[in-house]
Amino acid sequence: MLYRLETTHMRLPAETHFSPQRPIPFKMDRSPSTIEYHAYFEEVTPNGYAHCKLYKAPILPMWRMDVPLKVTLCDYDMIDILVLNNQIYASDVVKNIIETHDPFGHQFWPVDVVDESGTPVSTTQFYHMNMRRYVTIEDLGKPLLDADYRVNKDIEGKYVSSIQHDVLVRDFVESLPIWRHFFPRYTIDIPLFINEPMFKALQAGGVTGIKEFTQFDGQLGEMVAHV
């Protein structure tokens, strides 16, 4: 089983909103450029795996990582992990679990969680995470099977269908604790995929923000679909 995590505002309470702050004073995007990041991926694919390539992303400089999280909350506690477009934020407990169960060298940088006025809104330490494991899965031209979420057939569907149909592809990606899909050249899909041992470890650690879908496309508060 693969668990697919994406934090979407449509499944959060209406009064809740998260957004990575842009840096002061230039308001420029702190996301890595394609040359700085994707072009420096190191291929680390093990021998014997067809239709898949495994990459390790580079360590990012401090100014790329030091991106505070701006939050609007209304009687709603911060969740422990957020997968927001190209950004991942994790609490202390998530950081510790990932580092314990996945010695891949993922990068964590402590950041502030603040409201619109810049006032801290959480006593929990949060980290901006540079998740460094990326996988490219070949489109095998197989039909997409039913899923418990809306799959973009032109993007995610091209590799999800390969996972659904090819046992070796599934075995490979299910052996990886966490990963994202990378489309050469230079496009990364949003969802974070988690294998069963890692997901069970997160659940056992009481991590919030990882409720599984109980109906098609999930309900309020549910962020985790299945592949």
Foldseek 3Di string as FASTA:
>chain_A
DKKKFADDPVQAPPQKDKDWAADPPPSDQLADDLVQWQVPWDWDDDPDAPQKTKTFIDDDDPSSWATAMEMGDDPDDDFAWHQYFPWIKGWPLLVVLCVVPPVPPKDWDWYAYYYPVRHGDDPTIMTTIRDTMEMEGAQPVADQDDWLEDDPCVPRVSRNRVCVPPVSVVVVVLVHQWYWYDDPPPDTGRIIMGHDVSVVSCVVSVGAQDADAPGRNRHRRHGIIDD
